Amino acid sequence: MLSSGQTHVVSGEAGLLVAPVMFTNPFLGYAGDKAMSERKLLRDVFKMGDVYFNTGDLMLQDHRDFVYFKDRIGDTFRWKGENVSTTEVSEVLGCLDFLLDVSVYGVTVPGYEGRAGMAAVVLKDGHGLDGEKLYGHLLHTLPPYAWPWFLRVQTSLDMTDTFKQQKGRLVQQGFNPHAVQQPLYFLDTSQKTYTPLTAQVYDDIVSGKKRL
């Protein structure tokens, strides 16, 4: 495994999982897309001339030498053992007539591996959040592991100078109502809708009383 600025990582430190590319373990790449295929390869990792496949998985090895999945890098995150594409989920949510803009990302939840889906959304003028319609839309368009468990309703989304969404602050604040000033909602599958994420609901999720 690799960590930023070094070749190997020590116990308790997360590192990038890479796989050697060789004759007996070839990387066939993406059909018709050499540029995308090249971006998945790391060269001269341990010695000059070697080639490794970048899995995009961050792994952690504990003091007993057990290895655990920690996180995903890039525009995906991992939840329930599955990789979730933020772009795909954003496009699905963007089809709803009451949403103007969407930013999807993963947030950590105590007691769970990986990250749960969350979306910062901007409502169109004159529209409210239709939780039931959103739930029904997800039911027919995305597998359950890709559903956003949390929503954050904002008046606008922060963008970089090159018009890319800034997600760092959103990820850091997560779904904590004590840290987020904007309205938060939680996916209540029993009610088949999104309901307000109150301090009590937050405490129930963090303590494990309410399961995702």
N, C-alpha and C. Protein backbone atom coordinates (compact mmCIF):
# COMPACT_ATOMS: atom_id res chain seq x y z
N MET A 1 0.84 -1.19 0.00
CA MET A 1 0.00 0.00 0.00
C MET A 1 0.88 1.24 0.00
N LEU A 2 0.33 2.34 -0.54
CA LEU A 2 1.08 3.58 -0.63
C LEU A 2 0.40 4.67 0.15
N SER A 3 1.17 5.60 0.64
CA SER A 3 0.66 6.80 1.29
C SER A 3 1.32 7.98 0.64
N SER A 4 0.70 9.16 0.77
CA SER A 4 1.23 10.36 0.15
C SER A 4 2.65 10.63 0.59
N GLY A 5 3.57 10.73 -0.37
CA GLY A 5 4.94 11.10 -0.07
C GLY A 5 5.82 9.94 0.36
N GLN A 6 5.31 8.70 0.38
CA GLN A 6 6.16 7.58 0.76
C GLN A 6 5.72 6.33 0.03
N THR A 7 6.55 5.29 0.10
CA THR A 7 6.29 4.07 -0.64
C THR A 7 5.47 3.07 0.17
N HIS A 8 5.81 2.90 1.43
CA HIS A 8 5.08 1.97 2.29
C HIS A 8 4.42 2.73 3.43
N VAL A 9 3.43 2.10 4.03
CA VAL A 9 2.79 2.69 5.20
C VAL A 9 3.02 1.79 6.41
N VAL A 10 2.84 2.36 7.58
CA VAL A 10 3.03 1.60 8.81
C VAL A 10 1.68 1.17 9.36
N SER A 11 1.69 0.29 10.36
CA SER A 11 0.44 -0.18 10.96
C SER A 11 -0.35 1.00 11.52
N GLY A 12 -1.66 0.97 11.27
CA GLY A 12 -2.53 2.03 11.75
C GLY A 12 -2.65 3.21 10.81
N GLU A 13 -1.93 3.18 9.70
CA GLU A 13 -1.98 4.29 8.74
C GLU A 13 -2.64 3.81 7.45
N ALA A 14 -3.55 4.63 6.91
CA ALA A 14 -4.24 4.27 5.67
C ALA A 14 -3.31 4.45 4.48
N GLY A 15 -3.41 3.56 3.52
CA GLY A 15 -2.60 3.64 2.32
C GLY A 15 -3.37 3.19 1.11
N LEU A 16 -2.88 3.55 -0.06
CA LEU A 16 -3.55 3.22 -1.32
C LEU A 16 -3.20 1.80 -1.74
N LEU A 17 -4.21 1.01 -2.05
CA LEU A 17 -4.01 -0.36 -2.50
C LEU A 17 -3.71 -0.36 -4.00
N VAL A 18 -2.56 -0.92 -4.37
CA VAL A 18 -2.18 -1.00 -5.77
C VAL A 18 -1.88 -2.46 -6.12
N ALA A 19 -2.01 -2.80 -7.40
CA ALA A 19 -1.78 -4.17 -7.85
C ALA A 19 -0.78 -4.15 -9.00
N PRO A 20 0.22 -5.03 -8.98
CA PRO A 20 1.23 -5.04 -10.04
C PRO A 20 0.63 -5.45 -11.38
N VAL A 21 1.07 -4.79 -12.43
CA VAL A 21 0.66 -5.13 -13.79
C VAL A 21 1.83 -5.85 -14.45
N MET A 22 1.61 -7.08 -14.86
CA MET A 22 2.67 -7.87 -15.49
C MET A 22 2.05 -8.84 -16.47
N PHE A 23 2.87 -9.65 -17.09
CA PHE A 23 2.40 -10.58 -18.12
C PHE A 23 1.34 -11.53 -17.56
N THR A 24 1.55 -12.00 -16.34
CA THR A 24 0.60 -12.94 -15.74
C THR A 24 -0.58 -12.24 -15.08
N ASN A 25 -0.51 -10.93 -14.97
CA ASN A 25 -1.59 -10.15 -14.35
C ASN A 25 -1.79 -8.85 -15.15
N PRO A 26 -2.28 -8.97 -16.39
CA PRO A 26 -2.36 -7.80 -17.27
C PRO A 26 -3.51 -6.87 -16.91
N PHE A 27 -3.37 -5.61 -17.30
CA PHE A 27 -4.46 -4.64 -17.18
C PHE A 27 -4.96 -4.35 -18.59
N LEU A 28 -6.18 -4.78 -18.90
CA LEU A 28 -6.71 -4.65 -20.25
C LEU A 28 -7.21 -3.25 -20.55
N GLY A 29 -7.48 -2.47 -19.51
CA GLY A 29 -7.87 -1.09 -19.72
C GLY A 29 -9.32 -0.93 -20.12
N TYR A 30 -9.69 0.32 -20.43
CA TYR A 30 -11.05 0.65 -20.84
C TYR A 30 -11.14 0.65 -22.36
N ALA A 31 -12.12 -0.04 -22.90
CA ALA A 31 -12.27 -0.18 -24.34
C ALA A 31 -12.40 1.19 -25.01
N GLY A 32 -11.48 1.47 -25.92
CA GLY A 32 -11.57 2.70 -26.70
C GLY A 32 -11.20 3.97 -25.97
N ASP A 33 -10.64 3.86 -24.78
CA ASP A 33 -10.30 5.07 -24.01
C ASP A 33 -8.91 4.89 -23.39
N LYS A 34 -7.88 5.17 -24.17
CA LYS A 34 -6.50 4.99 -23.71
C LYS A 34 -6.15 5.98 -22.61
N ALA A 35 -6.70 7.21 -22.71
CA ALA A 35 -6.38 8.24 -21.71
C ALA A 35 -6.89 7.83 -20.33
N MET A 36 -8.12 7.32 -20.27
CA MET A 36 -8.69 6.89 -19.00
C MET A 36 -7.93 5.69 -18.45
N SER A 37 -7.52 4.80 -19.33
CA SER A 37 -6.77 3.62 -18.91
C SER A 37 -5.44 4.03 -18.30
N GLU A 38 -4.77 5.00 -18.91
CA GLU A 38 -3.47 5.45 -18.42
C GLU A 38 -3.58 6.10 -17.05
N ARG A 39 -4.69 6.77 -16.78
CA ARG A 39 -4.88 7.43 -15.49
C ARG A 39 -5.01 6.43 -14.34
N LYS A 40 -5.31 5.17 -14.67
CA LYS A 40 -5.45 4.14 -13.63
C LYS A 40 -4.12 3.46 -13.32
N LEU A 41 -3.05 3.85 -14.04
CA LEU A 41 -1.76 3.21 -13.86
C LEU A 41 -0.78 4.12 -13.14
N LEU A 42 0.03 3.51 -12.27
CA LEU A 42 1.11 4.20 -11.56
C LEU A 42 2.43 3.58 -12.01
N ARG A 43 3.38 4.42 -12.39
CA ARG A 43 4.65 3.92 -12.91
C ARG A 43 5.81 4.28 -11.99
N ASP A 44 6.84 3.43 -12.02
CA ASP A 44 8.05 3.64 -11.22
C ASP A 44 7.71 3.78 -9.73
N VAL A 45 6.89 2.87 -9.23
CA VAL A 45 6.43 2.94 -7.84
C VAL A 45 7.51 2.47 -6.86
N PHE A 46 7.94 1.22 -7.01
CA PHE A 46 8.94 0.65 -6.11
C PHE A 46 10.33 0.62 -6.76
N LYS A 47 10.36 0.56 -8.09
CA LYS A 47 11.61 0.59 -8.82
C LYS A 47 11.33 1.11 -10.23
N MET A 48 12.36 1.58 -10.90
CA MET A 48 12.20 2.13 -12.25
C MET A 48 11.65 1.06 -13.19
N GLY A 49 10.61 1.45 -13.92
CA GLY A 49 10.06 0.56 -14.94
C GLY A 49 8.88 -0.27 -14.49
N ASP A 50 8.58 -0.32 -13.19
CA ASP A 50 7.43 -1.13 -12.76
C ASP A 50 6.13 -0.36 -13.00
N VAL A 51 5.03 -1.11 -13.08
CA VAL A 51 3.72 -0.53 -13.35
C VAL A 51 2.71 -1.16 -12.39
N TYR A 52 1.90 -0.31 -11.76
CA TYR A 52 0.88 -0.79 -10.83
C TYR A 52 -0.49 -0.20 -11.18
N PHE A 53 -1.52 -1.00 -10.95
CA PHE A 53 -2.90 -0.56 -11.15
C PHE A 53 -3.40 0.12 -9.89
N ASN A 54 -3.94 1.31 -10.03
CA ASN A 54 -4.49 2.08 -8.91
C ASN A 54 -5.93 1.64 -8.67
N THR A 55 -6.17 0.91 -7.57
CA THR A 55 -7.52 0.41 -7.30
C THR A 55 -8.46 1.52 -6.82
N GLY A 56 -7.89 2.60 -6.26
CA GLY A 56 -8.73 3.66 -5.71
C GLY A 56 -9.21 3.36 -4.30
N ASP A 57 -8.78 2.23 -3.73
CA ASP A 57 -9.19 1.85 -2.37
C ASP A 57 -8.11 2.22 -1.36
N LEU A 58 -8.51 2.87 -0.28
CA LEU A 58 -7.61 3.13 0.84
C LEU A 58 -7.81 2.02 1.87
N MET A 59 -6.72 1.34 2.22
CA MET A 59 -6.78 0.23 3.16
C MET A 59 -5.98 0.57 4.41
N LEU A 60 -6.29 -0.12 5.50
CA LEU A 60 -5.60 0.10 6.77
C LEU A 60 -5.23 -1.25 7.36
N GLN A 61 -3.97 -1.37 7.80
CA GLN A 61 -3.48 -2.59 8.43
C GLN A 61 -3.28 -2.33 9.92
N ASP A 62 -3.90 -3.17 10.77
CA ASP A 62 -3.78 -2.94 12.21
C ASP A 62 -2.56 -3.67 12.78
N HIS A 63 -2.39 -3.58 14.08
CA HIS A 63 -1.21 -4.14 14.72
C HIS A 63 -1.17 -5.66 14.69
N ARG A 64 -2.32 -6.28 14.36
CA ARG A 64 -2.37 -7.74 14.25
C ARG A 64 -2.23 -8.21 12.81
N ASP A 65 -1.93 -7.24 11.92
CA ASP A 65 -1.74 -7.51 10.48
C ASP A 65 -3.04 -7.82 9.75
N PHE A 66 -4.19 -7.49 10.37
CA PHE A 66 -5.45 -7.58 9.64
C PHE A 66 -5.59 -6.33 8.78
N VAL A 67 -6.09 -6.50 7.56
CA VAL A 67 -6.24 -5.39 6.63
C VAL A 67 -7.72 -5.08 6.45
N TYR A 68 -8.08 -3.81 6.57
CA TYR A 68 -9.47 -3.38 6.47
C TYR A 68 -9.63 -2.33 5.37
N PHE A 69 -10.80 -2.32 4.74
CA PHE A 69 -11.13 -1.24 3.82
C PHE A 69 -11.39 0.03 4.61
N LYS A 70 -10.82 1.16 4.16
CA LYS A 70 -10.96 2.43 4.87
C LYS A 70 -11.82 3.43 4.12
N ASP A 71 -11.57 3.60 2.82
CA ASP A 71 -12.26 4.66 2.09
C ASP A 71 -11.98 4.51 0.60
N ARG A 72 -12.63 5.35 -0.19
CA ARG A 72 -12.37 5.45 -1.62
C ARG A 72 -11.82 6.84 -1.92
N ILE A 73 -11.00 6.93 -2.96
CA ILE A 73 -10.51 8.23 -3.40
C ILE A 73 -11.19 8.58 -4.72
N GLY A 74 -11.10 9.86 -5.09
CA GLY A 74 -11.68 10.27 -6.36
C GLY A 74 -13.16 10.57 -6.26
N ASP A 75 -13.87 10.42 -7.38
CA ASP A 75 -15.28 10.78 -7.46
C ASP A 75 -16.19 9.62 -7.12
N THR A 76 -15.72 8.71 -6.32
CA THR A 76 -16.55 7.60 -5.85
C THR A 76 -16.33 7.43 -4.35
N PHE A 77 -17.28 6.78 -3.72
CA PHE A 77 -17.09 6.37 -2.33
C PHE A 77 -17.68 4.97 -2.19
N ARG A 78 -17.35 4.32 -1.11
CA ARG A 78 -17.77 2.93 -0.93
C ARG A 78 -18.75 2.82 0.23
N TRP A 79 -19.85 2.11 -0.01
CA TRP A 79 -20.88 1.93 1.00
C TRP A 79 -21.53 0.57 0.81
N LYS A 80 -21.69 -0.16 1.93
CA LYS A 80 -22.29 -1.49 1.89
C LYS A 80 -21.53 -2.42 0.95
N GLY A 81 -20.20 -2.23 0.89
CA GLY A 81 -19.38 -3.08 0.04
C GLY A 81 -19.45 -2.76 -1.44
N GLU A 82 -20.08 -1.65 -1.82
CA GLU A 82 -20.24 -1.28 -3.22
C GLU A 82 -19.65 0.11 -3.47
N ASN A 83 -19.15 0.32 -4.68
CA ASN A 83 -18.64 1.62 -5.08
C ASN A 83 -19.79 2.47 -5.62
N VAL A 84 -19.88 3.70 -5.14
CA VAL A 84 -20.94 4.61 -5.55
C VAL A 84 -20.34 5.77 -6.35
N SER A 85 -20.84 6.00 -7.54
CA SER A 85 -20.38 7.10 -8.38
C SER A 85 -21.15 8.37 -8.02
N THR A 86 -20.43 9.39 -7.55
CA THR A 86 -21.10 10.65 -7.21
C THR A 86 -21.72 11.29 -8.44
N THR A 87 -21.07 11.12 -9.58
CA THR A 87 -21.59 11.70 -10.83
C THR A 87 -22.92 11.07 -11.21
N GLU A 88 -22.99 9.75 -11.11
CA GLU A 88 -24.21 9.04 -11.48
C GLU A 88 -25.38 9.45 -10.58
N VAL A 89 -25.13 9.51 -9.27
CA VAL A 89 -26.20 9.87 -8.34
C VAL A 89 -26.62 11.32 -8.57
N SER A 90 -25.67 12.21 -8.84
CA SER A 90 -26.00 13.61 -9.11
C SER A 90 -26.89 13.75 -10.33
N GLU A 91 -26.56 12.99 -11.37
CA GLU A 91 -27.36 13.04 -12.60
C GLU A 91 -28.77 12.54 -12.36
N VAL A 92 -28.91 11.50 -11.56
CA VAL A 92 -30.24 10.95 -11.25
C VAL A 92 -31.07 11.97 -10.47
N LEU A 93 -30.48 12.57 -9.45
CA LEU A 93 -31.20 13.56 -8.65
C LEU A 93 -31.52 14.80 -9.48
N GLY A 94 -30.63 15.16 -10.40
CA GLY A 94 -30.83 16.34 -11.23
C GLY A 94 -32.01 16.25 -12.16
N CYS A 95 -32.55 15.05 -12.34
CA CYS A 95 -33.73 14.88 -13.21
C CYS A 95 -35.02 15.33 -12.54
N LEU A 96 -35.00 15.52 -11.23
CA LEU A 96 -36.20 15.92 -10.51
C LEU A 96 -36.51 17.39 -10.78
N ASP A 97 -37.79 17.69 -11.00
CA ASP A 97 -38.18 19.04 -11.43
C ASP A 97 -38.05 20.10 -10.35
N PHE A 98 -37.87 19.69 -9.08
CA PHE A 98 -37.78 20.70 -8.02
C PHE A 98 -36.34 20.96 -7.57
N LEU A 99 -35.37 20.28 -8.20
CA LEU A 99 -33.97 20.48 -7.84
C LEU A 99 -33.24 21.26 -8.93
N LEU A 100 -32.55 22.32 -8.52
CA LEU A 100 -31.79 23.15 -9.46
C LEU A 100 -30.35 22.69 -9.57
N ASP A 101 -29.75 22.31 -8.46
CA ASP A 101 -28.34 21.91 -8.45
C ASP A 101 -28.12 20.85 -7.38
N VAL A 102 -27.15 19.96 -7.62
CA VAL A 102 -26.91 18.84 -6.72
C VAL A 102 -25.41 18.59 -6.59
N SER A 103 -24.96 18.31 -5.37
CA SER A 103 -23.58 17.89 -5.13
C SER A 103 -23.61 16.67 -4.22
N VAL A 104 -23.10 15.55 -4.71
CA VAL A 104 -23.16 14.28 -3.97
C VAL A 104 -21.78 13.92 -3.45
N TYR A 105 -21.72 13.42 -2.23
CA TYR A 105 -20.46 13.03 -1.60
C TYR A 105 -20.74 11.99 -0.52
N GLY A 106 -19.69 11.43 0.04
CA GLY A 106 -19.85 10.43 1.09
C GLY A 106 -19.43 10.98 2.44
N VAL A 107 -20.12 10.58 3.49
CA VAL A 107 -19.80 11.03 4.85
C VAL A 107 -19.63 9.82 5.76
N THR A 108 -18.74 9.96 6.73
CA THR A 108 -18.52 8.86 7.68
C THR A 108 -19.65 8.80 8.70
N VAL A 109 -20.00 7.59 9.08
CA VAL A 109 -21.04 7.35 10.09
C VAL A 109 -20.46 6.38 11.12
N PRO A 110 -20.45 6.75 12.40
CA PRO A 110 -19.90 5.85 13.42
C PRO A 110 -20.53 4.47 13.36
N GLY A 111 -19.69 3.45 13.42
CA GLY A 111 -20.18 2.08 13.41
C GLY A 111 -20.29 1.45 12.04
N TYR A 112 -19.93 2.19 10.98
CA TYR A 112 -20.05 1.68 9.62
C TYR A 112 -18.72 1.85 8.88
N GLU A 113 -18.41 0.89 8.02
CA GLU A 113 -17.26 1.02 7.14
C GLU A 113 -17.66 1.85 5.93
N GLY A 114 -16.68 2.49 5.32
CA GLY A 114 -16.97 3.29 4.14
C GLY A 114 -17.68 4.59 4.47
N ARG A 115 -18.46 5.07 3.53
CA ARG A 115 -19.15 6.35 3.69
C ARG A 115 -20.59 6.23 3.19
N ALA A 116 -21.50 6.87 3.90
CA ALA A 116 -22.90 6.91 3.48
C ALA A 116 -23.11 8.08 2.52
N GLY A 117 -24.02 7.92 1.59
CA GLY A 117 -24.28 8.97 0.62
C GLY A 117 -24.98 10.17 1.22
N MET A 118 -24.55 11.35 0.80
CA MET A 118 -25.18 12.60 1.21
C MET A 118 -25.21 13.53 0.02
N ALA A 119 -26.22 14.38 -0.07
CA ALA A 119 -26.33 15.31 -1.19
C ALA A 119 -26.68 16.70 -0.68
N ALA A 120 -25.90 17.69 -1.14
CA ALA A 120 -26.26 19.09 -0.94
C ALA A 120 -27.08 19.49 -2.16
N VAL A 121 -28.27 20.01 -1.94
CA VAL A 121 -29.17 20.32 -3.05
C VAL A 121 -29.63 21.77 -2.98
N VAL A 122 -29.89 22.33 -4.15
CA VAL A 122 -30.46 23.67 -4.27
C VAL A 122 -31.83 23.53 -4.92
N LEU A 123 -32.85 24.06 -4.27
CA LEU A 123 -34.22 23.96 -4.79
C LEU A 123 -34.48 25.05 -5.82
N LYS A 124 -35.31 24.74 -6.79
CA LYS A 124 -35.72 25.74 -7.76
C LYS A 124 -36.67 26.74 -7.10
N ASP A 125 -36.69 27.94 -7.62
CA ASP A 125 -37.57 28.99 -7.07
C ASP A 125 -39.02 28.51 -7.06
N GLY A 126 -39.67 28.71 -5.93
CA GLY A 126 -41.07 28.35 -5.82
C GLY A 126 -41.33 26.88 -5.53
N HIS A 127 -40.27 26.12 -5.30
CA HIS A 127 -40.42 24.69 -5.03
C HIS A 127 -39.93 24.36 -3.63
N GLY A 128 -40.55 23.35 -3.04
CA GLY A 128 -40.09 22.81 -1.76
C GLY A 128 -39.49 21.44 -1.98
N LEU A 129 -38.96 20.86 -0.94
CA LEU A 129 -38.40 19.52 -1.03
C LEU A 129 -39.52 18.49 -0.93
N ASP A 130 -39.70 17.72 -1.99
CA ASP A 130 -40.72 16.68 -2.03
C ASP A 130 -40.05 15.35 -1.70
N GLY A 131 -40.03 15.00 -0.42
CA GLY A 131 -39.34 13.80 0.03
C GLY A 131 -39.93 12.52 -0.54
N GLU A 132 -41.24 12.45 -0.64
CA GLU A 132 -41.88 11.24 -1.15
C GLU A 132 -41.56 11.05 -2.64
N LYS A 133 -41.59 12.13 -3.39
CA LYS A 133 -41.28 12.03 -4.82
C LYS A 133 -39.83 11.64 -5.03
N LEU A 134 -38.95 12.19 -4.19
CA LEU A 134 -37.54 11.86 -4.28
C LEU A 134 -37.30 10.39 -3.97
N TYR A 135 -37.95 9.89 -2.92
CA TYR A 135 -37.81 8.48 -2.56
C TYR A 135 -38.30 7.58 -3.70
N GLY A 136 -39.44 7.91 -4.27
CA GLY A 136 -39.98 7.12 -5.37
C GLY A 136 -39.06 7.13 -6.58
N HIS A 137 -38.43 8.28 -6.83
CA HIS A 137 -37.50 8.41 -7.95
C HIS A 137 -36.27 7.52 -7.73
N LEU A 138 -35.74 7.53 -6.53
CA LEU A 138 -34.58 6.68 -6.21
C LEU A 138 -34.93 5.21 -6.33
N LEU A 139 -36.12 4.86 -5.90
CA LEU A 139 -36.57 3.47 -5.90
C LEU A 139 -36.51 2.87 -7.30
N HIS A 140 -36.75 3.70 -8.32
CA HIS A 140 -36.82 3.21 -9.69
C HIS A 140 -35.57 3.50 -10.52
N THR A 141 -34.59 4.19 -9.93
CA THR A 141 -33.43 4.58 -10.73
C THR A 141 -32.08 4.14 -10.18
N LEU A 142 -31.98 3.92 -8.87
CA LEU A 142 -30.69 3.58 -8.28
C LEU A 142 -30.80 2.39 -7.34
N PRO A 143 -29.75 1.58 -7.23
CA PRO A 143 -29.76 0.50 -6.23
C PRO A 143 -29.72 1.12 -4.83
N PRO A 144 -30.26 0.45 -3.84
CA PRO A 144 -30.34 1.01 -2.48
C PRO A 144 -29.02 1.50 -1.91
N TYR A 145 -27.91 0.81 -2.22
CA TYR A 145 -26.63 1.24 -1.64
C TYR A 145 -26.19 2.61 -2.15
N ALA A 146 -26.75 3.08 -3.28
CA ALA A 146 -26.37 4.36 -3.86
C ALA A 146 -27.30 5.50 -3.42
N TRP A 147 -28.34 5.20 -2.66
CA TRP A 147 -29.27 6.26 -2.23
C TRP A 147 -28.60 7.20 -1.24
N PRO A 148 -28.79 8.49 -1.38
CA PRO A 148 -28.28 9.43 -0.36
C PRO A 148 -29.09 9.28 0.93
N TRP A 149 -28.42 9.00 2.02
CA TRP A 149 -29.11 8.88 3.30
C TRP A 149 -29.41 10.24 3.91
N PHE A 150 -28.65 11.24 3.49
CA PHE A 150 -28.79 12.57 4.08
C PHE A 150 -28.87 13.64 2.99
N LEU A 151 -29.67 14.66 3.24
CA LEU A 151 -29.79 15.80 2.33
C LEU A 151 -29.48 17.08 3.09
N ARG A 152 -28.86 18.01 2.39
CA ARG A 152 -28.55 19.33 2.95
C ARG A 152 -29.07 20.36 1.96
N VAL A 153 -30.07 21.13 2.35
CA VAL A 153 -30.70 22.09 1.44
C VAL A 153 -30.00 23.45 1.55
N GLN A 154 -29.45 23.92 0.44
CA GLN A 154 -28.72 25.18 0.42
C GLN A 154 -29.31 26.13 -0.63
N THR A 155 -28.93 27.40 -0.54
CA THR A 155 -29.38 28.38 -1.52
C THR A 155 -28.47 28.38 -2.74
N SER A 156 -27.23 27.86 -2.59
CA SER A 156 -26.28 27.75 -3.70
C SER A 156 -25.20 26.76 -3.31
N LEU A 157 -24.39 26.36 -4.29
CA LEU A 157 -23.28 25.45 -4.06
C LEU A 157 -21.97 26.18 -4.29
N ASP A 158 -21.00 25.94 -3.42
CA ASP A 158 -19.69 26.57 -3.58
C ASP A 158 -18.96 25.94 -4.76
N MET A 159 -18.34 26.79 -5.59
CA MET A 159 -17.63 26.34 -6.78
C MET A 159 -16.20 26.87 -6.77
N THR A 160 -15.30 26.16 -7.46
CA THR A 160 -13.93 26.62 -7.62
C THR A 160 -13.87 27.61 -8.78
N ASP A 161 -12.69 28.17 -9.02
CA ASP A 161 -12.51 29.10 -10.13
C ASP A 161 -12.73 28.43 -11.48
N THR A 162 -12.58 27.10 -11.52
CA THR A 162 -12.79 26.36 -12.77
C THR A 162 -14.17 25.69 -12.78
N PHE A 163 -15.06 26.19 -11.92
CA PHE A 163 -16.46 25.75 -11.88
C PHE A 163 -16.64 24.29 -11.48
N LYS A 164 -15.74 23.81 -10.63
CA LYS A 164 -15.90 22.49 -10.05
C LYS A 164 -16.48 22.64 -8.64
N GLN A 165 -17.31 21.69 -8.24
CA GLN A 165 -17.94 21.77 -6.93
C GLN A 165 -16.91 21.59 -5.82
N GLN A 166 -16.98 22.43 -4.80
CA GLN A 166 -16.12 22.30 -3.63
C GLN A 166 -16.84 21.45 -2.58
N LYS A 167 -16.29 20.28 -2.31
CA LYS A 167 -16.96 19.34 -1.41
C LYS A 167 -16.25 19.16 -0.08
N GLY A 168 -15.05 19.72 0.05
CA GLY A 168 -14.26 19.50 1.25
C GLY A 168 -14.98 19.90 2.52
N ARG A 169 -15.54 21.11 2.54
CA ARG A 169 -16.24 21.59 3.73
C ARG A 169 -17.50 20.78 3.98
N LEU A 170 -18.18 20.40 2.92
CA LEU A 170 -19.41 19.61 3.06
C LEU A 170 -19.10 18.26 3.70
N VAL A 171 -18.03 17.62 3.23
CA VAL A 171 -17.63 16.32 3.77
C VAL A 171 -17.23 16.45 5.23
N GLN A 172 -16.49 17.50 5.55
CA GLN A 172 -16.01 17.70 6.91
C GLN A 172 -17.16 17.91 7.90
N GLN A 173 -18.15 18.69 7.52
CA GLN A 173 -19.29 18.97 8.41
C GLN A 173 -20.25 17.80 8.48
N GLY A 174 -20.29 16.98 7.45
CA GLY A 174 -21.12 15.80 7.46
C GLY A 174 -22.60 16.09 7.66
N PHE A 175 -23.26 15.27 8.48
CA PHE A 175 -24.70 15.41 8.69
C PHE A 175 -25.01 15.86 10.12
N ASN A 176 -24.05 16.50 10.74
CA ASN A 176 -24.20 16.94 12.12
C ASN A 176 -25.01 18.24 12.19
N PRO A 177 -26.21 18.21 12.75
CA PRO A 177 -27.04 19.43 12.81
C PRO A 177 -26.44 20.51 13.69
N HIS A 178 -25.48 20.15 14.54
CA HIS A 178 -24.82 21.14 15.38
C HIS A 178 -23.77 21.92 14.59
N ALA A 179 -23.30 21.35 13.47
CA ALA A 179 -22.27 21.99 12.65
C ALA A 179 -22.82 22.59 11.37
N VAL A 180 -24.00 22.15 10.96
CA VAL A 180 -24.59 22.61 9.70
C VAL A 180 -25.75 23.55 9.99
N GLN A 181 -25.70 24.74 9.42
CA GLN A 181 -26.75 25.72 9.64
C GLN A 181 -27.95 25.51 8.71
N GLN A 182 -27.71 24.91 7.55
CA GLN A 182 -28.78 24.69 6.59
C GLN A 182 -29.68 23.52 7.01
N PRO A 183 -30.91 23.48 6.48
CA PRO A 183 -31.82 22.37 6.81
C PRO A 183 -31.25 21.02 6.38
N LEU A 184 -31.37 20.04 7.25
CA LEU A 184 -30.90 18.68 6.98
C LEU A 184 -32.07 17.71 6.99
N TYR A 185 -31.97 16.69 6.13
CA TYR A 185 -33.03 15.68 6.05
C TYR A 185 -32.40 14.29 6.05
N PHE A 186 -33.17 13.33 6.56
CA PHE A 186 -32.74 11.94 6.68
C PHE A 186 -33.68 11.03 5.91
N LEU A 187 -33.13 10.04 5.22
CA LEU A 187 -33.95 9.10 4.46
C LEU A 187 -34.60 8.10 5.41
N ASP A 188 -35.89 8.27 5.62
CA ASP A 188 -36.66 7.37 6.48
C ASP A 188 -37.34 6.33 5.58
N THR A 189 -36.71 5.18 5.44
CA THR A 189 -37.24 4.16 4.53
C THR A 189 -38.56 3.60 5.02
N SER A 190 -38.81 3.63 6.32
CA SER A 190 -40.08 3.11 6.85
C SER A 190 -41.24 4.01 6.43
N GLN A 191 -40.97 5.32 6.32
CA GLN A 191 -41.99 6.28 5.90
C GLN A 191 -41.94 6.56 4.40
N LYS A 192 -40.91 6.03 3.73
CA LYS A 192 -40.72 6.20 2.29
C LYS A 192 -40.63 7.68 1.90
N THR A 193 -39.84 8.42 2.68
CA THR A 193 -39.69 9.85 2.41
C THR A 193 -38.45 10.36 3.15
N TYR A 194 -38.12 11.62 2.93
CA TYR A 194 -37.06 12.27 3.68
C TYR A 194 -37.69 13.12 4.77
N THR A 195 -37.23 12.94 5.99
CA THR A 195 -37.77 13.67 7.13
C THR A 195 -36.68 14.56 7.73
N PRO A 196 -37.05 15.63 8.44
CA PRO A 196 -36.05 16.52 9.04
C PRO A 196 -35.09 15.76 9.94
N LEU A 197 -33.80 16.05 9.81
CA LEU A 197 -32.79 15.41 10.63
C LEU A 197 -32.57 16.28 11.87
N THR A 198 -33.24 15.93 12.93
CA THR A 198 -33.16 16.68 14.17
C THR A 198 -31.95 16.22 14.99
N ALA A 199 -31.67 16.94 16.06
CA ALA A 199 -30.58 16.55 16.95
C ALA A 199 -30.83 15.17 17.55
N GLN A 200 -32.10 14.84 17.82
CA GLN A 200 -32.43 13.54 18.38
C GLN A 200 -32.17 12.42 17.37
N VAL A 201 -32.57 12.66 16.11
CA VAL A 201 -32.32 11.67 15.06
C VAL A 201 -30.82 11.47 14.87
N TYR A 202 -30.09 12.57 14.89
CA TYR A 202 -28.63 12.50 14.75
C TYR A 202 -28.03 11.65 15.88
N ASP A 203 -28.45 11.90 17.11
CA ASP A 203 -27.94 11.15 18.25
C ASP A 203 -28.29 9.67 18.13
N ASP A 204 -29.48 9.37 17.62
CA ASP A 204 -29.89 7.97 17.46
C ASP A 204 -29.03 7.26 16.41
N ILE A 205 -28.66 7.98 15.35
CA ILE A 205 -27.81 7.38 14.30
C ILE A 205 -26.41 7.15 14.82
N VAL A 206 -25.85 8.16 15.48
CA VAL A 206 -24.47 8.06 15.99
C VAL A 206 -24.34 6.98 17.07
N SER A 207 -25.38 6.84 17.89
CA SER A 207 -25.33 5.83 18.96
C SER A 207 -25.64 4.43 18.46
N GLY A 208 -26.18 4.32 17.24
CA GLY A 208 -26.53 3.01 16.69
C GLY A 208 -27.95 2.61 16.95
N LYS A 209 -28.70 3.45 17.65
CA LYS A 209 -30.10 3.13 17.93
C LYS A 209 -30.92 3.10 16.64
N LYS A 210 -30.58 3.99 15.72
CA LYS A 210 -31.24 4.01 14.41
C LYS A 210 -30.22 3.52 13.38
N ARG A 211 -30.55 2.46 12.68
CA ARG A 211 -29.61 1.84 11.74
C ARG A 211 -29.87 2.30 10.31
N LEU A 212 -28.80 2.38 9.54
CA LEU A 212 -28.93 2.76 8.13
C LEU A 212 -28.99 1.52 7.26
